[in-house]
Amino acid sequence: MARPRKTTATTEPTTISIKDAVSQLSTTEQALRLALSHIRPDDFDTVKSIPSLDLEAVAKILNQPQLTEGATTTANSLENAPNAETSTQQESQTATEGATNDPIGQLAEQPQQKTLTQPAQAAQANQVSLVEMLARQATEEIEAIDGLSRVKNAVIINNLQARDAELAQQIQERHCDRKHEIMSSIRDVAALAQDKPEVNSDDISLTSEIDDLINQLGKSLTR
């Protein structure tokens, strides 16, 4: 009977938190993240835990200055050899290494500092632009609200003036109609007036007429 084959379980890579890594390497979190930026440039400033392989690589990067100091000490010990030429060569080599290693260290630190300062500057610039945008939007909203209030006030005043003008027009029209009615009544009353006849003057004298009649009768009797 065949024996069942043993299945080998795949072990997941062990990870370590940034805090424990700082304690284990006896360094600071800033220095650890600076070294980590060479390995994980995308999330070195936000990652909270790293695999053990990354921890070993970070340890090698952090130990580079110590290796340089060890090489310098070895070179200084060789300077004490009796051979003058070897001493001179080693002195020049040590000076060359010292002059070469310092700029390299500075150049190595400069990108790391820029890597840290650039996101901070970008975040600060984004924050400033966001504040400016919010301030501009608030100013525009205040101006719009003020404009709306001014337009409302102008419409109210215009409507009041229009109503006053309409009321004045109605009063004027009623007054004109009333005047026409009164004038019509006056014309009707004036039409009732009669024409005045002419009065003839009385030119006849009653006494003269009687005397003339008596005279005429007397003449007729004497005949």
N, C-alpha and C. Protein backbone atom coordinates (compact mmCIF):
# COMPACT_ATOMS: atom_id res chain seq x y z
N MET A 1 0.86 -1.20 0.00
CA MET A 1 0.00 0.00 0.00
C MET A 1 0.88 1.23 0.00
N ALA A 2 0.55 2.13 -0.93
CA ALA A 2 1.39 3.34 -1.07
C ALA A 2 1.11 4.30 0.05
N ARG A 3 2.21 4.88 0.52
CA ARG A 3 2.07 5.88 1.59
C ARG A 3 1.67 7.23 1.00
N PRO A 4 0.81 7.94 1.72
CA PRO A 4 0.44 9.28 1.21
C PRO A 4 1.61 10.23 1.25
N ARG A 5 1.72 11.03 0.21
CA ARG A 5 2.81 12.01 0.14
C ARG A 5 2.55 13.18 1.10
N LYS A 6 3.64 13.63 1.68
CA LYS A 6 3.52 14.77 2.58
C LYS A 6 3.51 16.08 1.78
N THR A 7 2.57 16.90 2.14
CA THR A 7 2.46 18.22 1.47
C THR A 7 3.25 19.23 2.28
N THR A 8 4.12 19.91 1.56
CA THR A 8 4.94 20.95 2.23
C THR A 8 4.16 22.25 2.25
N ALA A 9 3.95 22.81 3.42
CA ALA A 9 3.20 24.07 3.57
C ALA A 9 4.10 25.24 3.21
N THR A 10 3.56 26.13 2.45
CA THR A 10 4.31 27.33 2.06
C THR A 10 4.29 28.32 3.22
N THR A 11 5.48 28.69 3.65
CA THR A 11 5.58 29.65 4.77
C THR A 11 5.57 31.07 4.21
N GLU A 12 4.77 31.88 4.82
CA GLU A 12 4.71 33.29 4.42
C GLU A 12 5.93 34.03 4.95
N PRO A 13 6.43 34.98 4.20
CA PRO A 13 7.60 35.75 4.68
C PRO A 13 7.24 36.52 5.95
N THR A 14 8.17 36.46 6.90
CA THR A 14 7.95 37.16 8.16
C THR A 14 8.14 38.66 7.96
N THR A 15 7.35 39.41 8.69
CA THR A 15 7.44 40.86 8.63
C THR A 15 7.71 41.40 10.02
N ILE A 16 8.17 42.62 10.07
CA ILE A 16 8.49 43.29 11.33
C ILE A 16 8.00 44.73 11.23
N SER A 17 7.46 45.22 12.30
CA SER A 17 6.95 46.59 12.30
C SER A 17 8.10 47.58 12.28
N ILE A 18 7.79 48.78 11.86
CA ILE A 18 8.81 49.84 11.79
C ILE A 18 9.37 50.14 13.18
N LYS A 19 8.49 50.12 14.18
CA LYS A 19 8.94 50.40 15.54
C LYS A 19 9.92 49.36 16.04
N ASP A 20 9.59 48.07 15.79
CA ASP A 20 10.50 47.00 16.21
C ASP A 20 11.79 47.02 15.41
N ALA A 21 11.70 47.38 14.13
CA ALA A 21 12.91 47.46 13.31
C ALA A 21 13.83 48.56 13.81
N VAL A 22 13.25 49.71 14.20
CA VAL A 22 14.07 50.81 14.76
C VAL A 22 14.77 50.35 16.02
N SER A 23 14.03 49.63 16.89
CA SER A 23 14.64 49.13 18.14
C SER A 23 15.71 48.08 17.86
N GLN A 24 15.47 47.22 16.88
CA GLN A 24 16.43 46.15 16.59
C GLN A 24 17.71 46.71 15.99
N LEU A 25 17.61 47.70 15.13
CA LEU A 25 18.79 48.27 14.46
C LEU A 25 19.43 49.40 15.26
N SER A 26 18.78 49.78 16.40
CA SER A 26 19.31 50.85 17.26
C SER A 26 19.51 52.14 16.46
N THR A 27 18.48 52.55 15.77
CA THR A 27 18.54 53.77 14.96
C THR A 27 17.24 54.55 15.16
N THR A 28 17.05 55.59 14.40
CA THR A 28 15.82 56.38 14.47
C THR A 28 14.90 56.02 13.30
N GLU A 29 13.64 56.34 13.47
CA GLU A 29 12.67 56.01 12.42
C GLU A 29 12.98 56.80 11.14
N GLN A 30 13.43 58.06 11.29
CA GLN A 30 13.75 58.87 10.11
C GLN A 30 14.91 58.26 9.32
N ALA A 31 15.96 57.83 10.07
CA ALA A 31 17.10 57.21 9.39
C ALA A 31 16.70 55.91 8.73
N LEU A 32 15.84 55.14 9.41
CA LEU A 32 15.40 53.87 8.83
C LEU A 32 14.60 54.10 7.55
N ARG A 33 13.70 55.08 7.58
CA ARG A 33 12.90 55.36 6.38
C ARG A 33 13.77 55.93 5.26
N LEU A 34 14.80 56.70 5.61
CA LEU A 34 15.72 57.19 4.58
C LEU A 34 16.42 56.03 3.88
N ALA A 35 16.86 55.08 4.68
CA ALA A 35 17.49 53.91 4.08
C ALA A 35 16.48 53.08 3.30
N LEU A 36 15.26 53.03 3.80
CA LEU A 36 14.21 52.25 3.13
C LEU A 36 13.80 52.88 1.80
N SER A 37 14.05 54.19 1.65
CA SER A 37 13.68 54.85 0.39
C SER A 37 14.47 54.33 -0.80
N HIS A 38 15.66 53.73 -0.57
CA HIS A 38 16.44 53.13 -1.65
C HIS A 38 15.83 51.81 -2.11
N ILE A 39 15.09 51.17 -1.21
CA ILE A 39 14.52 49.86 -1.52
C ILE A 39 13.07 49.97 -1.97
N ARG A 40 12.30 50.78 -1.24
CA ARG A 40 10.87 50.93 -1.53
C ARG A 40 10.56 52.43 -1.69
N PRO A 41 10.90 53.01 -2.84
CA PRO A 41 10.70 54.46 -3.01
C PRO A 41 9.22 54.86 -3.08
N ASP A 42 8.33 53.92 -3.33
CA ASP A 42 6.92 54.27 -3.50
C ASP A 42 6.20 54.47 -2.17
N ASP A 43 6.51 53.64 -1.15
CA ASP A 43 5.77 53.72 0.10
C ASP A 43 6.68 53.72 1.33
N PHE A 44 7.94 54.21 1.15
CA PHE A 44 8.86 54.18 2.28
C PHE A 44 8.40 55.06 3.44
N ASP A 45 7.63 56.15 3.15
CA ASP A 45 7.22 57.08 4.19
C ASP A 45 5.88 56.73 4.81
N THR A 46 5.19 55.70 4.28
CA THR A 46 3.87 55.35 4.81
C THR A 46 3.79 53.91 5.29
N VAL A 47 4.73 53.06 4.87
CA VAL A 47 4.67 51.64 5.23
C VAL A 47 4.82 51.49 6.75
N LYS A 48 4.08 50.53 7.32
CA LYS A 48 4.10 50.32 8.77
C LYS A 48 4.86 49.06 9.18
N SER A 49 5.05 48.15 8.24
CA SER A 49 5.83 46.95 8.52
C SER A 49 6.56 46.54 7.25
N ILE A 50 7.71 45.84 7.43
CA ILE A 50 8.53 45.46 6.28
C ILE A 50 8.92 44.00 6.43
N PRO A 51 9.19 43.30 5.30
CA PRO A 51 9.66 41.91 5.37
C PRO A 51 11.08 41.84 5.94
N SER A 52 11.47 40.66 6.35
CA SER A 52 12.81 40.48 6.92
C SER A 52 13.91 40.73 5.89
N LEU A 53 13.63 40.42 4.61
CA LEU A 53 14.63 40.69 3.57
C LEU A 53 14.88 42.18 3.44
N ASP A 54 13.82 42.99 3.48
CA ASP A 54 14.00 44.45 3.43
C ASP A 54 14.75 44.93 4.66
N LEU A 55 14.48 44.31 5.81
CA LEU A 55 15.20 44.71 7.03
C LEU A 55 16.69 44.46 6.89
N GLU A 56 17.07 43.32 6.30
CA GLU A 56 18.50 43.04 6.10
C GLU A 56 19.13 44.06 5.15
N ALA A 57 18.39 44.40 4.07
CA ALA A 57 18.94 45.38 3.14
C ALA A 57 19.09 46.74 3.80
N VAL A 58 18.12 47.13 4.64
CA VAL A 58 18.21 48.40 5.36
C VAL A 58 19.39 48.39 6.32
N ALA A 59 19.61 47.27 6.97
CA ALA A 59 20.73 47.16 7.90
C ALA A 59 22.06 47.35 7.17
N LYS A 60 22.19 46.77 5.96
CA LYS A 60 23.42 46.94 5.18
C LYS A 60 23.63 48.40 4.81
N ILE A 61 22.52 49.08 4.43
CA ILE A 61 22.65 50.50 4.06
C ILE A 61 23.05 51.34 5.26
N LEU A 62 22.46 51.03 6.43
CA LEU A 62 22.79 51.80 7.63
C LEU A 62 24.20 51.54 8.11
N ASN A 63 24.76 50.36 7.80
CA ASN A 63 26.11 50.01 8.26
C ASN A 63 27.20 50.45 7.29
N GLN A 64 26.84 51.09 6.18
CA GLN A 64 27.87 51.53 5.22
C GLN A 64 28.85 52.52 5.83
N PRO A 65 28.43 53.55 6.61
CA PRO A 65 29.43 54.45 7.22
C PRO A 65 30.40 53.72 8.13
N GLN A 66 29.89 52.67 8.87
CA GLN A 66 30.79 51.93 9.75
C GLN A 66 31.85 51.17 8.95
N LEU A 67 31.44 50.61 7.80
CA LEU A 67 32.42 49.92 6.95
C LEU A 67 33.47 50.90 6.44
N THR A 68 33.06 52.08 6.11
CA THR A 68 34.02 53.09 5.63
C THR A 68 35.00 53.46 6.71
N GLU A 69 34.49 53.61 7.97
CA GLU A 69 35.38 53.93 9.07
C GLU A 69 36.38 52.79 9.31
N GLY A 70 35.93 51.51 9.16
CA GLY A 70 36.84 50.38 9.34
C GLY A 70 37.93 50.36 8.29
N ALA A 71 37.56 50.70 7.05
CA ALA A 71 38.56 50.75 6.00
C ALA A 71 39.56 51.86 6.26
N THR A 72 39.09 52.98 6.78
CA THR A 72 40.00 54.09 7.08
C THR A 72 40.96 53.72 8.19
N THR A 73 40.45 53.00 9.23
CA THR A 73 41.32 52.58 10.34
C THR A 73 42.39 51.62 9.84
N THR A 74 42.01 50.69 8.95
CA THR A 74 42.99 49.75 8.40
C THR A 74 44.06 50.47 7.60
N ALA A 75 43.60 51.47 6.84
CA ALA A 75 44.57 52.24 6.06
C ALA A 75 45.52 53.01 6.95
N ASN A 76 44.98 53.52 8.08
CA ASN A 76 45.85 54.26 9.01
C ASN A 76 46.87 53.34 9.68
N SER A 77 46.47 52.08 9.95
CA SER A 77 47.44 51.14 10.55
C SER A 77 48.54 50.77 9.57
N LEU A 78 48.19 50.72 8.30
CA LEU A 78 49.22 50.42 7.30
C LEU A 78 50.20 51.57 7.14
N GLU A 79 49.79 52.76 7.57
CA GLU A 79 50.70 53.90 7.45
C GLU A 79 51.93 53.74 8.34
N ASN A 80 51.79 52.96 9.41
CA ASN A 80 52.92 52.79 10.34
C ASN A 80 53.96 51.81 9.84
N ALA A 81 53.78 51.24 8.66
CA ALA A 81 54.78 50.30 8.10
C ALA A 81 56.06 51.04 7.79
N PRO A 82 57.22 50.32 7.79
CA PRO A 82 58.52 50.99 7.57
C PRO A 82 58.70 51.46 6.15
N ASN A 83 57.96 50.95 5.20
CA ASN A 83 58.15 51.34 3.82
C ASN A 83 57.58 52.72 3.62
N ALA A 84 58.43 53.67 3.21
CA ALA A 84 57.98 55.07 3.06
C ALA A 84 57.05 55.22 1.87
N GLU A 85 57.38 54.47 0.78
CA GLU A 85 56.54 54.59 -0.41
C GLU A 85 55.14 54.09 -0.13
N THR A 86 55.09 52.94 0.59
CA THR A 86 53.77 52.40 0.93
C THR A 86 53.02 53.37 1.81
N SER A 87 53.73 54.00 2.76
CA SER A 87 53.09 54.98 3.65
C SER A 87 52.56 56.15 2.85
N THR A 88 53.37 56.64 1.90
CA THR A 88 52.94 57.78 1.10
C THR A 88 51.73 57.43 0.24
N GLN A 89 51.79 56.24 -0.36
CA GLN A 89 50.66 55.82 -1.20
C GLN A 89 49.40 55.67 -0.38
N GLN A 90 49.57 55.09 0.84
CA GLN A 90 48.38 54.89 1.67
C GLN A 90 47.83 56.21 2.18
N GLU A 91 48.73 57.17 2.46
CA GLU A 91 48.25 58.49 2.89
C GLU A 91 47.43 59.15 1.78
N SER A 92 48.01 59.07 0.56
CA SER A 92 47.28 59.68 -0.56
C SER A 92 45.97 58.93 -0.82
N GLN A 93 46.04 57.59 -0.67
CA GLN A 93 44.82 56.80 -0.88
C GLN A 93 43.78 57.12 0.17
N THR A 94 44.23 57.28 1.45
CA THR A 94 43.30 57.62 2.54
C THR A 94 42.69 58.99 2.31
N ALA A 95 43.54 59.96 1.89
CA ALA A 95 43.02 61.31 1.62
C ALA A 95 42.02 61.28 0.47
N THR A 96 42.38 60.46 -0.55
CA THR A 96 41.47 60.36 -1.71
C THR A 96 40.14 59.74 -1.32
N GLU A 97 40.22 58.67 -0.50
CA GLU A 97 39.00 58.02 -0.06
C GLU A 97 38.17 58.94 0.82
N GLY A 98 38.88 59.69 1.70
CA GLY A 98 38.13 60.61 2.56
C GLY A 98 37.45 61.70 1.75
N ALA A 99 38.20 62.23 0.74
CA ALA A 99 37.61 63.28 -0.10
C ALA A 99 36.51 62.74 -0.98
N THR A 100 36.63 61.43 -1.32
CA THR A 100 35.62 60.84 -2.22
C THR A 100 34.38 60.41 -1.44
N ASN A 101 34.60 59.85 -0.23
CA ASN A 101 33.48 59.31 0.53
C ASN A 101 32.57 60.41 1.07
N ASP A 102 33.15 61.53 1.45
CA ASP A 102 32.29 62.59 2.01
C ASP A 102 31.30 63.12 0.99
N PRO A 103 31.73 63.51 -0.23
CA PRO A 103 30.71 63.96 -1.22
C PRO A 103 29.72 62.88 -1.55
N ILE A 104 30.19 61.60 -1.57
CA ILE A 104 29.23 60.54 -1.88
C ILE A 104 28.16 60.47 -0.80
N GLY A 105 28.62 60.60 0.49
CA GLY A 105 27.65 60.59 1.58
C GLY A 105 26.69 61.76 1.48
N GLN A 106 27.26 62.95 1.12
CA GLN A 106 26.39 64.11 0.97
C GLN A 106 25.42 63.92 -0.18
N LEU A 107 25.95 63.39 -1.30
CA LEU A 107 25.06 63.17 -2.45
C LEU A 107 24.02 62.11 -2.14
N ALA A 108 24.41 61.12 -1.29
CA ALA A 108 23.43 60.08 -0.93
C ALA A 108 22.36 60.63 -0.02
N GLU A 109 22.75 61.61 0.83
CA GLU A 109 21.77 62.18 1.76
C GLU A 109 20.86 63.18 1.08
N GLN A 110 21.40 63.92 0.08
CA GLN A 110 20.60 64.95 -0.57
C GLN A 110 19.34 64.39 -1.23
N PRO A 111 19.40 63.32 -2.04
CA PRO A 111 18.16 62.78 -2.61
C PRO A 111 17.19 62.30 -1.55
N GLN A 112 17.76 61.74 -0.42
CA GLN A 112 16.87 61.29 0.63
C GLN A 112 16.14 62.47 1.26
N GLN A 113 16.88 63.57 1.52
CA GLN A 113 16.24 64.75 2.08
C GLN A 113 15.22 65.33 1.11
N LYS A 114 15.59 65.36 -0.19
CA LYS A 114 14.65 65.87 -1.18
C LYS A 114 13.42 64.97 -1.27
N THR A 115 13.67 63.64 -1.12
CA THR A 115 12.53 62.72 -1.19
C THR A 115 11.55 62.99 -0.07
N LEU A 116 12.08 63.38 1.12
CA LEU A 116 11.19 63.69 2.23
C LEU A 116 10.58 65.08 2.13
N THR A 117 11.39 66.05 1.66
CA THR A 117 10.88 67.42 1.62
C THR A 117 9.93 67.66 0.46
N GLN A 118 10.15 66.96 -0.66
CA GLN A 118 9.27 67.18 -1.81
C GLN A 118 7.83 66.82 -1.53
N PRO A 119 7.51 65.64 -0.92
CA PRO A 119 6.10 65.39 -0.59
C PRO A 119 5.53 66.40 0.38
N ALA A 120 6.38 66.86 1.36
CA ALA A 120 5.88 67.85 2.31
C ALA A 120 5.58 69.17 1.60
N GLN A 121 6.50 69.59 0.70
CA GLN A 121 6.25 70.82 -0.04
C GLN A 121 5.05 70.69 -0.95
N ALA A 122 4.91 69.52 -1.60
CA ALA A 122 3.74 69.31 -2.46
C ALA A 122 2.45 69.35 -1.65
N ALA A 123 2.48 68.70 -0.46
CA ALA A 123 1.28 68.72 0.39
C ALA A 123 0.97 70.14 0.85
N GLN A 124 2.03 70.90 1.21
CA GLN A 124 1.81 72.29 1.63
C GLN A 124 1.27 73.13 0.50
N ALA A 125 1.81 72.92 -0.73
CA ALA A 125 1.32 73.68 -1.88
C ALA A 125 -0.13 73.32 -2.18
N ASN A 126 -0.45 72.02 -2.09
CA ASN A 126 -1.84 71.61 -2.31
C ASN A 126 -2.76 72.20 -1.26
N GLN A 127 -2.27 72.27 0.00
CA GLN A 127 -3.10 72.84 1.06
C GLN A 127 -3.33 74.32 0.83
N VAL A 128 -2.27 75.04 0.40
CA VAL A 128 -2.42 76.47 0.12
C VAL A 128 -3.38 76.70 -1.03
N SER A 129 -3.24 75.90 -2.11
CA SER A 129 -4.14 76.06 -3.24
C SER A 129 -5.57 75.74 -2.85
N LEU A 130 -5.76 74.74 -1.99
CA LEU A 130 -7.10 74.39 -1.53
C LEU A 130 -7.70 75.51 -0.71
N VAL A 131 -6.89 76.11 0.17
CA VAL A 131 -7.39 77.24 0.98
C VAL A 131 -7.76 78.42 0.08
N GLU A 132 -6.91 78.71 -0.91
CA GLU A 132 -7.21 79.80 -1.84
C GLU A 132 -8.50 79.53 -2.61
N MET A 133 -8.68 78.27 -3.05
CA MET A 133 -9.90 77.94 -3.80
C MET A 133 -11.13 78.09 -2.93
N LEU A 134 -11.06 77.62 -1.67
CA LEU A 134 -12.20 77.75 -0.76
C LEU A 134 -12.48 79.22 -0.47
N ALA A 135 -11.42 80.03 -0.28
CA ALA A 135 -11.63 81.46 -0.02
C ALA A 135 -12.26 82.15 -1.21
N ARG A 136 -11.81 81.79 -2.44
CA ARG A 136 -12.40 82.39 -3.63
C ARG A 136 -13.86 81.98 -3.80
N GLN A 137 -14.16 80.71 -3.54
CA GLN A 137 -15.54 80.26 -3.65
C GLN A 137 -16.43 80.94 -2.61
N ALA A 138 -15.92 81.09 -1.38
CA ALA A 138 -16.70 81.78 -0.34
C ALA A 138 -16.96 83.23 -0.73
N THR A 139 -15.93 83.90 -1.29
CA THR A 139 -16.10 85.29 -1.72
C THR A 139 -17.14 85.40 -2.83
N GLU A 140 -17.08 84.47 -3.78
CA GLU A 140 -18.06 84.50 -4.88
C GLU A 140 -19.47 84.23 -4.37
N GLU A 141 -19.61 83.31 -3.42
CA GLU A 141 -20.94 83.03 -2.87
C GLU A 141 -21.48 84.25 -2.12
N ILE A 142 -20.61 84.94 -1.36
CA ILE A 142 -21.05 86.14 -0.65
C ILE A 142 -21.47 87.22 -1.64
N GLU A 143 -20.69 87.39 -2.72
CA GLU A 143 -21.06 88.38 -3.73
C GLU A 143 -22.38 88.00 -4.41
N ALA A 144 -22.58 86.72 -4.67
CA ALA A 144 -23.83 86.29 -5.30
C ALA A 144 -25.03 86.54 -4.39
N ILE A 145 -24.87 86.24 -3.09
CA ILE A 145 -25.96 86.47 -2.14
C ILE A 145 -26.24 87.97 -2.02
N ASP A 146 -25.19 88.78 -1.97
CA ASP A 146 -25.37 90.22 -1.91
C ASP A 146 -26.05 90.74 -3.17
N GLY A 147 -25.64 90.22 -4.33
CA GLY A 147 -26.29 90.63 -5.58
C GLY A 147 -27.76 90.25 -5.61
N LEU A 148 -28.08 89.05 -5.09
CA LEU A 148 -29.48 88.63 -5.04
C LEU A 148 -30.30 89.56 -4.16
N SER A 149 -29.74 89.96 -3.00
CA SER A 149 -30.46 90.89 -2.11
C SER A 149 -30.67 92.25 -2.78
N ARG A 150 -29.64 92.73 -3.48
CA ARG A 150 -29.77 94.02 -4.15
C ARG A 150 -30.82 93.97 -5.24
N VAL A 151 -30.85 92.88 -6.01
CA VAL A 151 -31.85 92.75 -7.07
C VAL A 151 -33.25 92.67 -6.47
N LYS A 152 -33.40 91.93 -5.37
CA LYS A 152 -34.71 91.85 -4.72
C LYS A 152 -35.19 93.22 -4.26
N ASN A 153 -34.29 94.00 -3.64
CA ASN A 153 -34.66 95.34 -3.19
C ASN A 153 -35.05 96.23 -4.37
N ALA A 154 -34.31 96.13 -5.48
CA ALA A 154 -34.64 96.93 -6.65
C ALA A 154 -36.00 96.54 -7.22
N VAL A 155 -36.30 95.24 -7.24
CA VAL A 155 -37.60 94.79 -7.74
C VAL A 155 -38.72 95.28 -6.85
N ILE A 156 -38.53 95.23 -5.52
CA ILE A 156 -39.57 95.71 -4.59
C ILE A 156 -39.84 97.19 -4.80
N ILE A 157 -38.76 98.00 -4.90
CA ILE A 157 -38.94 99.44 -5.12
C ILE A 157 -39.62 99.71 -6.45
N ASN A 158 -39.22 98.96 -7.48
CA ASN A 158 -39.84 99.14 -8.80
C ASN A 158 -41.32 98.79 -8.76
N ASN A 159 -41.69 97.72 -8.06
CA ASN A 159 -43.09 97.34 -7.96
C ASN A 159 -43.90 98.38 -7.19
N LEU A 160 -43.32 98.95 -6.13
CA LEU A 160 -44.01 100.00 -5.38
C LEU A 160 -44.24 101.22 -6.26
N GLN A 161 -43.22 101.61 -7.01
CA GLN A 161 -43.38 102.76 -7.91
C GLN A 161 -44.42 102.48 -8.98
N ALA A 162 -44.43 101.24 -9.49
CA ALA A 162 -45.43 100.89 -10.50
C ALA A 162 -46.84 100.93 -9.93
N ARG A 163 -47.02 100.44 -8.70
CA ARG A 163 -48.34 100.49 -8.07
C ARG A 163 -48.77 101.92 -7.79
N ASP A 164 -47.82 102.78 -7.34
CA ASP A 164 -48.16 104.18 -7.12
C ASP A 164 -48.57 104.86 -8.42
N ALA A 165 -47.83 104.56 -9.51
CA ALA A 165 -48.16 105.16 -10.80
C ALA A 165 -49.52 104.66 -11.29
N GLU A 166 -49.80 103.37 -11.06
CA GLU A 166 -51.10 102.82 -11.48
C GLU A 166 -52.23 103.45 -10.69
N LEU A 167 -52.04 103.64 -9.37
CA LEU A 167 -53.08 104.28 -8.55
C LEU A 167 -53.30 105.73 -8.96
N ALA A 168 -52.20 106.45 -9.23
CA ALA A 168 -52.33 107.83 -9.68
C ALA A 168 -53.06 107.91 -11.02
N GLN A 169 -52.79 106.96 -11.91
CA GLN A 169 -53.49 106.94 -13.20
C GLN A 169 -54.97 106.68 -13.01
N GLN A 170 -55.34 105.77 -12.11
CA GLN A 170 -56.75 105.51 -11.86
C GLN A 170 -57.45 106.73 -11.28
N ILE A 171 -56.78 107.42 -10.34
CA ILE A 171 -57.36 108.64 -9.76
C ILE A 171 -57.54 109.71 -10.83
N GLN A 172 -56.57 109.87 -11.70
CA GLN A 172 -56.64 110.87 -12.76
C GLN A 172 -57.79 110.54 -13.73
N GLU A 173 -57.90 109.26 -14.10
CA GLU A 173 -58.99 108.88 -15.01
C GLU A 173 -60.36 109.10 -14.37
N ARG A 174 -60.49 108.78 -13.09
CA ARG A 174 -61.77 109.00 -12.42
C ARG A 174 -62.09 110.49 -12.33
N HIS A 175 -61.11 111.30 -12.09
CA HIS A 175 -61.31 112.75 -12.03
C HIS A 175 -61.75 113.29 -13.39
N CYS A 176 -61.12 112.81 -14.46
CA CYS A 176 -61.51 113.25 -15.80
C CYS A 176 -62.95 112.81 -16.13
N ASP A 177 -63.28 111.58 -15.78
CA ASP A 177 -64.67 111.12 -16.02
C ASP A 177 -65.66 111.97 -15.23
N ARG A 178 -65.31 112.29 -13.99
CA ARG A 178 -66.20 113.12 -13.17
C ARG A 178 -66.37 114.51 -13.78
N LYS A 179 -65.33 115.10 -14.29
CA LYS A 179 -65.42 116.42 -14.92
C LYS A 179 -66.32 116.36 -16.16
N HIS A 180 -66.16 115.28 -16.95
CA HIS A 180 -67.02 115.16 -18.14
C HIS A 180 -68.50 115.06 -17.75
N GLU A 181 -68.79 114.31 -16.68
CA GLU A 181 -70.18 114.21 -16.23
C GLU A 181 -70.73 115.56 -15.77
N ILE A 182 -69.93 116.29 -15.01
CA ILE A 182 -70.39 117.62 -14.54
C ILE A 182 -70.60 118.57 -15.70
N MET A 183 -69.69 118.60 -16.65
CA MET A 183 -69.84 119.48 -17.80
C MET A 183 -71.08 119.10 -18.64
N SER A 184 -71.36 117.78 -18.73
CA SER A 184 -72.56 117.36 -19.46
C SER A 184 -73.82 117.84 -18.75
N SER A 185 -73.82 117.77 -17.41
CA SER A 185 -74.97 118.28 -16.66
C SER A 185 -75.12 119.79 -16.84
N ILE A 186 -74.03 120.49 -16.85
CA ILE A 186 -74.09 121.95 -17.04
C ILE A 186 -74.66 122.29 -18.41
N ARG A 187 -74.24 121.55 -19.42
CA ARG A 187 -74.75 121.81 -20.76
C ARG A 187 -76.26 121.51 -20.86
N ASP A 188 -76.68 120.44 -20.16
CA ASP A 188 -78.12 120.14 -20.17
C ASP A 188 -78.94 121.24 -19.50
N VAL A 189 -78.46 121.77 -18.38
CA VAL A 189 -79.17 122.87 -17.71
C VAL A 189 -79.16 124.12 -18.58
N ALA A 190 -78.08 124.40 -19.22
CA ALA A 190 -78.01 125.59 -20.08
C ALA A 190 -78.95 125.48 -21.27
N ALA A 191 -79.23 124.26 -21.72
CA ALA A 191 -80.14 124.09 -22.87
C ALA A 191 -81.59 124.44 -22.52
N LEU A 192 -81.92 124.45 -21.23
CA LEU A 192 -83.28 124.79 -20.81
C LEU A 192 -83.58 126.30 -20.90
N ALA A 193 -82.64 127.11 -21.10
CA ALA A 193 -82.85 128.57 -21.17
C ALA A 193 -83.65 128.95 -22.42
N GLN A 194 -84.65 129.90 -22.29
CA GLN A 194 -85.50 130.35 -23.41
C GLN A 194 -84.95 131.65 -24.01
N ASP A 195 -85.37 131.88 -25.27
CA ASP A 195 -84.96 133.11 -25.95
C ASP A 195 -85.78 134.29 -25.40
N LYS A 196 -85.20 135.42 -25.15
CA LYS A 196 -85.89 136.61 -24.64
C LYS A 196 -86.51 137.40 -25.80
N PRO A 197 -87.88 137.65 -25.77
CA PRO A 197 -88.53 138.44 -26.86
C PRO A 197 -88.16 139.92 -26.76
N GLU A 198 -88.30 140.60 -27.92
CA GLU A 198 -88.01 142.03 -27.94
C GLU A 198 -89.23 142.82 -27.43
N VAL A 199 -89.06 143.75 -26.61
CA VAL A 199 -90.13 144.58 -26.03
C VAL A 199 -90.20 145.92 -26.80
N ASN A 200 -91.43 146.19 -27.44
CA ASN A 200 -91.60 147.43 -28.20
C ASN A 200 -91.90 148.59 -27.24
N SER A 201 -91.41 149.72 -27.55
CA SER A 201 -91.67 150.91 -26.71
C SER A 201 -93.10 151.44 -26.92
N ASP A 202 -93.75 151.95 -25.88
CA ASP A 202 -95.12 152.50 -25.92
C ASP A 202 -95.05 153.99 -26.29
N ASP A 203 -95.29 154.27 -27.60
CA ASP A 203 -95.21 155.65 -28.09
C ASP A 203 -96.61 156.36 -28.10
N ILE A 204 -97.69 155.69 -27.81
CA ILE A 204 -99.05 156.27 -27.88
C ILE A 204 -99.38 156.97 -26.56
N SER A 205 -99.86 158.23 -26.71
CA SER A 205 -100.28 158.97 -25.53
C SER A 205 -101.81 158.92 -25.44
N LEU A 206 -102.29 158.39 -24.35
CA LEU A 206 -103.74 158.22 -24.18
C LEU A 206 -104.48 159.58 -24.18
N THR A 207 -104.03 160.58 -23.61
CA THR A 207 -104.67 161.90 -23.54
C THR A 207 -104.75 162.52 -24.92
N SER A 208 -103.72 162.41 -25.67
CA SER A 208 -103.73 163.00 -27.02
C SER A 208 -104.72 162.28 -27.90
N GLU A 209 -104.78 160.96 -27.76
CA GLU A 209 -105.71 160.20 -28.57
C GLU A 209 -107.16 160.60 -28.23
N ILE A 210 -107.46 160.79 -26.98
CA ILE A 210 -108.83 161.18 -26.57
C ILE A 210 -109.15 162.59 -27.10
N ASP A 211 -108.25 163.51 -26.97
CA ASP A 211 -108.46 164.87 -27.45
C ASP A 211 -108.69 164.88 -28.95
N ASP A 212 -107.92 164.04 -29.65
CA ASP A 212 -108.10 164.00 -31.10
C ASP A 212 -109.49 163.46 -31.44
N LEU A 213 -109.98 162.49 -30.73
CA LEU A 213 -111.30 161.96 -31.00
C LEU A 213 -112.41 163.00 -30.70
N ILE A 214 -112.28 163.74 -29.64
CA ILE A 214 -113.27 164.79 -29.30
C ILE A 214 -113.27 165.89 -30.35
N ASN A 215 -112.13 166.25 -30.76
CA ASN A 215 -112.04 167.29 -31.79
C ASN A 215 -112.72 166.85 -33.07
N GLN A 216 -112.45 165.60 -33.41
CA GLN A 216 -113.08 165.12 -34.63
C GLN A 216 -114.61 165.05 -34.51
N LEU A 217 -115.16 164.69 -33.35
CA LEU A 217 -116.60 164.71 -33.13
C LEU A 217 -117.20 166.14 -33.18
N GLY A 218 -116.53 167.07 -32.65
CA GLY A 218 -117.02 168.46 -32.68
C GLY A 218 -117.06 169.00 -34.08
N LYS A 219 -116.15 168.65 -34.86
CA LYS A 219 -116.17 169.12 -36.22
C LYS A 219 -117.36 168.54 -37.01
N SER A 220 -117.65 167.28 -36.69
CA SER A 220 -118.76 166.66 -37.40
C SER A 220 -120.11 167.25 -36.99
N LEU A 221 -120.31 167.82 -35.81
CA LEU A 221 -121.53 168.41 -35.34
C LEU A 221 -121.73 169.80 -35.94
N THR A 222 -120.77 170.52 -36.15
CA THR A 222 -120.85 171.85 -36.69
C THR A 222 -121.14 171.89 -38.15
N ARG A 223 -121.16 170.98 -38.81
CA ARG A 223 -121.40 170.93 -40.21
C ARG A 223 -122.91 170.96 -40.48
